[in-house]
Amino acid sequence: MDWLDRMNAAIDYIEDNLTGEIDYKQAAKAACCPDYHFQRMFAFISEVTLSEYIRRRRLTLAAFELQQSNKSVIEIAQIYGYKSHASFTRAFRELHGISPTSSRKSGVKLKAYPRMSFHISIAGRTEMNYRIEKKPGFSTAGFKNCVNNDHAFNSIPKIWQEARQNGIGDKLQSLMGENSEKVPKGILGILSGGDWGKNDTFFYHLAVPYEKETPADMEKLTFPKSQWVIFEAQNPADLINAWKRLYTDWVPTSNYVLADLPAVECYYPPGHHPQNELWVPIISKGR
């Protein structure tokens, strides 16, 4: 129930601030979850991004207020965070299919998105295979890409495709050498924080474990000594499913919380079993 309480506390914060400024970091703090993990978790669980949920809720309340009050359209627009009549009208029409002014007419059809709440549902899901390992600190070298969360499932495969075509993949391969058993192997896809709340973007690094001086055209990431939960994935679909079940099944029922560190997708060479793994830093609740 602790996980439910924390996620619902985040919704309380959002709902209490729909007519003001919503700080995404504060919402994540209410959920006791790292910022970028919270927004990814929210999207996987609710199947809508946090920014889209907020937009829908604000425009739902704006429609109610247009029908029930004598305030002007621009007054209501400003209450719900829109700085101009035009931007409010455009967003309102996209959601409701009509203009704000038309919504005041009797008998018009509008859409209402209710407040979200989180509950545990017993659904008889399949088992999850995972392992937990403690690893010493390590460093990586690689290339950073900015990815929009709404388009991540399409954008990330394109990043890998371009890496194969423009020689980045070969350059990373040349740096790999003999990876220690103490760190993730293979070529890594590392997800780190980004511009959540404004552009809903995060950083996706194509990298390899690398302890020498970082090449001039690459960026270095340093990981401290950490505890990791690791899920196997034989193909890209399994990897996406591992991400989803991490948030929807494993975290809510485990005795761990997500650490404020980047998560790592490991892509191994042909013939390796498993073909891929998802590594996520965690902290025991009892710590």
Protein backbone atom coordinates (compact mmCIF):
# COMPACT_ATOMS: atom_id res chain seq x y z
CA MET A 1 0.00 0.00 0.00
CA ASP A 2 3.00 2.31 0.48
CA TRP A 3 3.49 2.57 -3.29
CA LEU A 4 -0.20 3.38 -3.81
CA ASP A 5 -0.09 6.07 -1.14
CA ARG A 6 2.95 7.70 -2.76
CA MET A 7 1.54 7.67 -6.29
CA ASN A 8 -1.81 9.02 -5.10
CA ALA A 9 0.04 11.73 -3.15
CA ALA A 10 1.58 12.82 -6.45
CA ILE A 11 -1.90 12.99 -8.01
CA ASP A 12 -3.07 15.05 -5.01
CA TYR A 13 -0.27 17.53 -5.63
CA ILE A 14 -1.11 17.78 -9.34
CA GLU A 15 -4.83 18.19 -8.76
CA ASP A 16 -4.24 20.84 -6.09
CA ASN A 17 -2.19 22.88 -8.56
CA LEU A 18 -4.16 22.62 -11.81
CA THR A 19 -4.90 26.34 -11.60
CA GLY A 20 -1.31 27.23 -10.72
CA GLU A 21 2.26 26.22 -11.49
CA ILE A 22 2.95 22.49 -11.44
CA ASP A 23 6.52 21.56 -10.57
CA TYR A 24 7.21 18.13 -12.04
CA LYS A 25 10.07 17.57 -9.62
CA GLN A 26 7.69 18.25 -6.74
CA ALA A 27 5.21 15.70 -8.12
CA ALA A 28 8.02 13.14 -8.33
CA LYS A 29 9.09 14.02 -4.79
CA ALA A 30 5.54 13.36 -3.55
CA ALA A 31 5.83 9.91 -5.13
CA CYS A 32 9.28 9.42 -3.53
CA CYS A 33 10.61 8.65 -6.98
CA PRO A 34 13.36 10.14 -9.18
CA ASP A 35 11.95 12.72 -11.57
CA TYR A 36 12.48 10.98 -14.90
CA HIS A 37 11.53 7.58 -13.47
CA PHE A 38 8.28 9.01 -12.12
CA GLN A 39 7.24 10.40 -15.47
CA ARG A 40 8.15 7.19 -17.31
CA MET A 41 6.34 5.16 -14.66
CA PHE A 42 3.27 7.39 -14.92
CA ALA A 43 3.17 6.97 -18.70
CA PHE A 44 3.56 3.17 -18.58
CA ILE A 45 0.92 2.72 -15.87
CA SER A 46 -1.68 5.19 -17.11
CA GLU A 47 -0.88 4.91 -20.85
CA VAL A 48 -0.80 8.70 -21.07
CA THR A 49 2.10 11.06 -20.42
CA LEU A 50 2.04 13.22 -17.32
CA SER A 51 1.92 16.43 -19.39
CA GLU A 52 -1.01 15.08 -21.41
CA TYR A 53 -2.87 14.09 -18.23
CA ILE A 54 -2.41 17.61 -16.86
CA ARG A 55 -3.55 19.14 -20.16
CA ARG A 56 -6.70 16.99 -20.23
CA ARG A 57 -7.57 17.72 -16.63
CA ARG A 58 -7.10 21.48 -17.05
CA LEU A 59 -9.24 21.58 -20.21
CA THR A 60 -11.89 19.41 -18.51
CA LEU A 61 -12.14 21.88 -15.63
CA ALA A 62 -12.01 24.82 -18.04
CA ALA A 63 -15.06 23.42 -19.87
CA PHE A 64 -16.97 23.10 -16.61
CA GLU A 65 -16.10 26.69 -15.71
CA LEU A 66 -17.10 28.02 -19.13
CA GLN A 67 -20.53 26.46 -18.70
CA GLN A 68 -21.05 27.48 -15.09
CA SER A 69 -19.54 30.95 -14.77
CA ASN A 70 -19.71 34.36 -16.41
CA LYS A 71 -15.94 34.76 -16.62
CA SER A 72 -14.52 35.68 -20.00
CA VAL A 73 -12.73 33.12 -22.13
CA ILE A 74 -9.36 34.80 -21.59
CA GLU A 75 -9.88 34.88 -17.81
CA ILE A 76 -10.54 31.13 -17.76
CA ALA A 77 -7.64 30.54 -20.14
CA GLN A 78 -5.26 32.28 -17.77
CA ILE A 79 -6.60 30.38 -14.76
CA TYR A 80 -5.60 27.12 -16.42
CA GLY A 81 -2.17 28.22 -17.58
CA TYR A 82 -2.78 29.56 -21.11
CA LYS A 83 -1.24 32.94 -21.83
CA SER A 84 -3.30 33.83 -24.89
CA HIS A 85 -6.82 33.43 -26.21
CA ALA A 86 -5.44 31.79 -29.35
CA SER A 87 -3.38 29.10 -27.58
CA PHE A 88 -6.30 28.25 -25.27
CA THR A 89 -8.77 28.09 -28.15
CA ARG A 90 -6.46 25.82 -30.14
CA ALA A 91 -5.92 23.42 -27.23
CA PHE A 92 -9.60 23.47 -26.29
CA ARG A 93 -10.67 22.67 -29.84
CA GLU A 94 -8.14 19.82 -30.10
CA LEU A 95 -9.60 18.17 -27.00
CA HIS A 96 -13.29 18.99 -27.16
CA GLY A 97 -13.79 19.48 -30.90
CA ILE A 98 -15.38 22.92 -30.50
CA SER A 99 -14.28 26.42 -29.51
CA PRO A 100 -14.47 27.68 -25.91
CA THR A 101 -17.21 30.13 -26.88
CA SER A 102 -19.31 27.38 -28.48
CA SER A 103 -19.02 25.26 -25.33
CA ARG A 104 -21.33 27.69 -23.55
CA LYS A 105 -24.25 26.78 -25.79
CA SER A 106 -26.91 24.41 -24.51
CA GLY A 107 -26.69 20.80 -25.65
CA VAL A 108 -23.11 20.81 -26.99
CA LYS A 109 -20.99 17.68 -26.58
CA LEU A 110 -17.82 17.95 -24.50
CA LYS A 111 -15.23 15.54 -23.11
CA ALA A 112 -14.49 15.05 -19.43
CA TYR A 113 -11.36 13.32 -18.13
CA PRO A 114 -11.81 12.40 -14.46
CA ARG A 115 -9.17 12.62 -11.77
CA MET A 116 -6.84 9.64 -11.84
CA SER A 117 -6.24 7.37 -8.86
CA PHE A 118 -4.03 4.31 -8.48
CA HIS A 119 -5.14 0.90 -7.24
CA ILE A 120 -3.62 -2.57 -7.14
CA SER A 121 -5.39 -5.00 -9.46
CA ILE A 122 -4.90 -8.76 -9.06
CA ALA A 123 -4.80 -10.00 -12.64
CA GLY A 124 -2.99 -13.35 -12.54
CA ARG A 125 -0.05 -12.09 -14.57
CA THR A 126 2.88 -14.27 -15.56
CA GLU A 127 5.96 -14.50 -13.36
CA MET A 128 8.88 -12.08 -13.67
CA ASN A 129 12.42 -13.43 -13.82
CA TYR A 130 14.97 -11.07 -12.32
CA ARG A 131 18.14 -10.97 -10.27
CA ILE A 132 19.60 -8.38 -7.91
CA GLU A 133 23.32 -7.68 -7.93
CA LYS A 134 25.60 -5.25 -6.15
CA LYS A 135 28.21 -3.74 -8.46
CA PRO A 136 31.18 -1.42 -7.89
CA GLY A 137 31.28 1.95 -9.61
CA PHE A 138 32.16 2.22 -13.29
CA SER A 139 32.34 4.76 -16.11
CA THR A 140 31.07 4.82 -19.68
CA ALA A 141 31.95 6.77 -22.81
CA GLY A 142 29.46 7.46 -25.57
CA PHE A 143 27.19 9.77 -27.52
CA LYS A 144 24.19 11.63 -26.05
CA ASN A 145 20.85 11.98 -27.88
CA CYS A 146 17.82 14.01 -26.81
CA VAL A 147 14.58 12.00 -27.08
CA ASN A 148 10.97 13.12 -26.73
CA ASN A 149 9.15 10.75 -24.36
CA ASP A 150 6.01 10.64 -26.52
CA HIS A 151 8.01 9.33 -29.49
CA ALA A 152 10.63 7.26 -27.64
CA PHE A 153 9.55 3.87 -28.99
CA ASN A 154 10.01 5.15 -32.55
CA SER A 155 12.99 7.43 -31.95
CA ILE A 156 15.31 5.05 -30.11
CA PRO A 157 15.33 2.32 -32.82
CA LYS A 158 16.17 5.08 -35.33
CA ILE A 159 19.09 6.19 -33.15
CA TRP A 160 20.48 2.66 -33.23
CA GLN A 161 19.93 2.40 -36.98
CA GLU A 162 21.74 5.67 -37.61
CA ALA A 163 24.59 4.53 -35.34
CA ARG A 164 25.09 1.48 -37.52
CA GLN A 165 25.03 3.58 -40.67
CA ASN A 166 27.26 6.50 -39.63
CA GLY A 167 30.02 4.48 -37.96
CA ILE A 168 29.17 5.30 -34.34
CA GLY A 169 28.45 1.66 -33.63
CA ASP A 170 31.84 0.60 -34.97
CA LYS A 171 33.58 3.31 -32.94
CA LEU A 172 31.90 2.10 -29.75
CA GLN A 173 32.80 -1.48 -30.58
CA SER A 174 36.45 -0.47 -30.94
CA LEU A 175 36.46 0.89 -27.35
CA MET A 176 34.90 -2.13 -25.72
CA GLY A 177 37.92 -4.37 -25.18
CA GLU A 178 37.49 -6.95 -22.45
CA ASN A 179 34.63 -5.83 -20.23
CA SER A 180 34.85 -6.80 -16.60
CA GLU A 181 32.23 -9.05 -15.09
CA LYS A 182 31.72 -6.25 -12.58
CA VAL A 183 29.97 -3.92 -15.03
CA PRO A 184 27.26 -4.19 -17.74
CA LYS A 185 28.67 -5.66 -20.95
CA GLY A 186 27.90 -4.99 -24.59
CA ILE A 187 26.87 -1.71 -26.14
CA LEU A 188 24.68 0.23 -23.74
CA GLY A 189 21.60 2.39 -24.14
CA ILE A 190 21.63 4.62 -21.05
CA LEU A 191 18.56 6.65 -20.05
CA SER A 192 19.30 9.71 -17.96
CA GLY A 193 17.39 12.80 -16.90
CA GLY A 194 16.31 15.54 -19.26
CA ASP A 195 13.93 18.46 -19.72
CA TRP A 196 10.85 16.97 -18.07
CA GLY A 197 7.91 19.29 -17.65
CA LYS A 198 8.74 21.68 -20.48
CA ASN A 199 9.57 19.53 -23.47
CA ASP A 200 9.16 16.04 -21.94
CA THR A 201 12.55 14.96 -23.19
CA PHE A 202 15.22 12.70 -21.74
CA PHE A 203 18.77 11.80 -22.74
CA TYR A 204 19.60 8.49 -24.36
CA HIS A 205 23.30 7.65 -24.51
CA LEU A 206 24.83 5.10 -26.86
CA ALA A 207 27.84 4.04 -24.82
CA VAL A 208 30.22 1.34 -23.65
CA PRO A 209 31.95 0.75 -20.30
CA TYR A 210 35.21 2.69 -20.48
CA GLU A 211 37.66 3.55 -17.71
CA LYS A 212 40.35 5.35 -19.75
CA GLU A 213 40.39 9.01 -20.78
CA THR A 214 37.14 9.81 -22.60
CA PRO A 215 37.57 10.54 -26.34
CA ALA A 216 37.09 14.22 -27.19
CA ASP A 217 33.89 13.67 -29.20
CA MET A 218 32.20 11.57 -26.51
CA GLU A 219 30.60 12.16 -23.13
CA LYS A 220 31.47 10.41 -19.91
CA LEU A 221 28.98 9.05 -17.39
CA THR A 222 30.09 7.87 -13.97
CA PHE A 223 28.11 5.36 -11.92
CA PRO A 224 28.76 4.97 -8.19
CA LYS A 225 28.70 1.66 -6.37
CA SER A 226 25.08 0.54 -6.70
CA GLN A 227 22.56 -2.22 -6.30
CA TRP A 228 20.79 -3.23 -9.52
CA VAL A 229 17.69 -5.18 -10.48
CA ILE A 230 18.31 -6.94 -13.79
CA PHE A 231 15.73 -8.32 -16.23
CA GLU A 232 16.51 -10.50 -19.23
CA ALA A 233 15.06 -9.69 -22.65
CA GLN A 234 15.52 -11.77 -25.79
CA ASN A 235 14.22 -9.15 -28.25
CA PRO A 236 13.16 -5.47 -28.38
CA ALA A 237 9.56 -6.34 -27.52
CA ASP A 238 10.74 -8.16 -24.39
CA LEU A 239 12.80 -5.11 -23.43
CA ILE A 240 9.79 -2.79 -23.71
CA ASN A 241 7.75 -5.28 -21.69
CA ALA A 242 10.49 -5.37 -19.03
CA TRP A 243 10.31 -1.58 -18.71
CA LYS A 244 6.55 -1.69 -18.35
CA ARG A 245 6.48 -4.51 -15.83
CA LEU A 246 9.27 -2.88 -13.82
CA TYR A 247 6.91 0.02 -13.17
CA THR A 248 3.54 -1.72 -13.09
CA ASP A 249 4.39 -5.01 -11.36
CA TRP A 250 7.84 -5.17 -9.81
CA VAL A 251 8.28 -1.80 -8.05
CA PRO A 252 4.77 -1.71 -6.51
CA THR A 253 5.18 -5.16 -4.92
CA SER A 254 8.89 -5.17 -4.08
CA ASN A 255 10.67 -3.86 -1.02
CA TYR A 256 12.74 -1.49 -3.15
CA VAL A 257 12.53 2.04 -4.54
CA LEU A 258 14.21 3.35 -7.69
CA ALA A 259 17.54 5.09 -7.19
CA ASP A 260 18.14 8.51 -8.74
CA LEU A 261 20.61 7.12 -11.26
CA PRO A 262 20.42 6.37 -15.00
CA ALA A 263 19.00 3.02 -16.10
CA VAL A 264 20.89 0.89 -18.61
CA GLU A 265 19.76 -1.23 -21.55
CA CYS A 266 22.46 -3.79 -22.41
CA TYR A 267 22.68 -5.01 -26.01
CA TYR A 268 24.89 -8.07 -26.38
CA PRO A 269 26.62 -9.48 -29.48
CA PRO A 270 24.97 -12.26 -31.53
CA GLY A 271 25.02 -15.65 -29.82
CA HIS A 272 24.98 -14.19 -26.31
CA HIS A 273 22.23 -15.38 -23.98
CA PRO A 274 20.26 -13.42 -23.08
CA GLN A 275 20.41 -11.11 -26.11
CA ASN A 276 19.52 -8.03 -24.02
CA GLU A 277 19.15 -7.01 -20.38
CA LEU A 278 17.61 -4.08 -18.51
CA TRP A 279 19.66 -2.85 -15.54
CA VAL A 280 17.93 -0.46 -13.09
CA PRO A 281 19.57 0.95 -9.92
CA ILE A 282 17.49 0.37 -6.79
CA ILE A 283 17.59 1.08 -3.06
CA SER A 284 16.14 -1.13 -0.34
CA LYS A 285 13.32 0.59 1.57
CA GLY A 286 14.91 -0.53 4.80
CA ARG A 287 18.14 1.29 4.00
